[in-house]
Amino acid sequence: MQRKNLLTHRQAADLLGVSVHRIAKWLDKGMIPYVQIGLTRQIDKDALLQWYRDQMVFPCRKSDQED
């Protein structure tokens, strides 16, 4: 993991379009992966994007449910 690939809370929030408070809550709950560097939690960009993709839900179209 390269250091340039690590994001701050603000950078992660901007990337996902959520608040910094939401990122902090997800980190506190252990929902998103992070790296602890001293007292600072930094977020690996690739791991965050993979986690985000894994959270996606694709609703079924009505015609897909009719079988």
Protein backbone atom coordinates (compact mmCIF):
# COMPACT_ATOMS: atom_id res chain seq x y z
CA MET A 1 0.00 0.00 0.00
CA GLN A 2 1.45 3.31 -1.02
CA ARG A 3 1.13 6.29 1.26
CA LYS A 4 -0.17 8.44 -1.61
CA ASN A 5 -3.14 6.08 -1.82
CA LEU A 6 -4.20 6.89 1.76
CA LEU A 7 -7.05 9.33 2.29
CA THR A 8 -7.99 11.62 5.13
CA HIS A 9 -11.54 11.60 6.47
CA ARG A 10 -12.32 14.69 4.36
CA GLN A 11 -10.90 13.16 1.17
CA ALA A 12 -12.87 9.95 1.72
CA ALA A 13 -16.05 11.93 2.39
CA ASP A 14 -15.57 13.99 -0.76
CA LEU A 15 -14.89 10.87 -2.82
CA LEU A 16 -18.10 9.16 -1.68
CA GLY A 17 -20.20 12.31 -1.48
CA VAL A 18 -20.99 11.91 2.23
CA SER A 19 -20.20 13.97 5.32
CA VAL A 20 -17.01 13.67 7.34
CA HIS A 21 -19.24 12.79 10.29
CA ARG A 22 -20.61 9.79 8.34
CA ILE A 23 -17.06 8.59 7.55
CA ALA A 24 -16.14 8.87 11.24
CA LYS A 25 -19.24 6.88 12.25
CA TRP A 26 -18.44 4.14 9.73
CA LEU A 27 -14.86 4.00 11.01
CA ASP A 28 -16.01 3.84 14.64
CA LYS A 29 -18.38 0.97 13.79
CA GLY A 30 -15.63 -0.88 11.90
CA MET A 31 -17.64 -0.76 8.69
CA ILE A 32 -14.91 0.58 6.42
CA PRO A 33 -11.27 -0.52 6.29
CA TYR A 34 -8.58 1.85 7.54
CA VAL A 35 -4.92 2.04 8.50
CA GLN A 36 -3.94 3.32 11.94
CA ILE A 37 -0.89 5.57 11.72
CA GLY A 38 -0.12 6.87 15.19
CA LEU A 39 -3.34 8.43 16.41
CA THR A 40 -4.63 9.02 12.88
CA ARG A 41 -6.88 6.67 10.93
CA GLN A 42 -6.29 6.87 7.21
CA ILE A 43 -8.31 5.13 4.56
CA ASP A 44 -6.88 3.20 1.63
CA LYS A 45 -8.60 4.56 -1.48
CA ASP A 46 -8.79 1.24 -3.34
CA ALA A 47 -10.13 -0.61 -0.28
CA LEU A 48 -12.71 2.13 0.30
CA LEU A 49 -13.93 2.01 -3.29
CA GLN A 50 -14.15 -1.79 -3.18
CA TRP A 51 -16.11 -1.61 0.09
CA TYR A 52 -18.43 0.97 -1.48
CA ARG A 53 -19.03 -1.23 -4.55
CA ASP A 54 -19.78 -4.18 -2.27
CA GLN A 55 -22.51 -2.12 -0.54
CA MET A 56 -24.44 -1.50 -3.75
CA VAL A 57 -27.88 -3.01 -4.03
CA PHE A 58 -29.42 -3.57 -7.42
CA PRO A 59 -33.21 -3.73 -7.20
CA CYS A 60 -35.00 -6.21 -9.39
CA ARG A 61 -37.22 -4.93 -12.12
CA LYS A 62 -40.84 -5.95 -11.75
CA SER A 63 -40.62 -8.22 -14.81
CA ASP A 64 -37.65 -10.07 -13.22
CA GLN A 65 -39.83 -11.11 -10.26
CA GLU A 66 -42.61 -12.61 -12.35
CA ASP A 67 -41.69 -16.28 -12.85
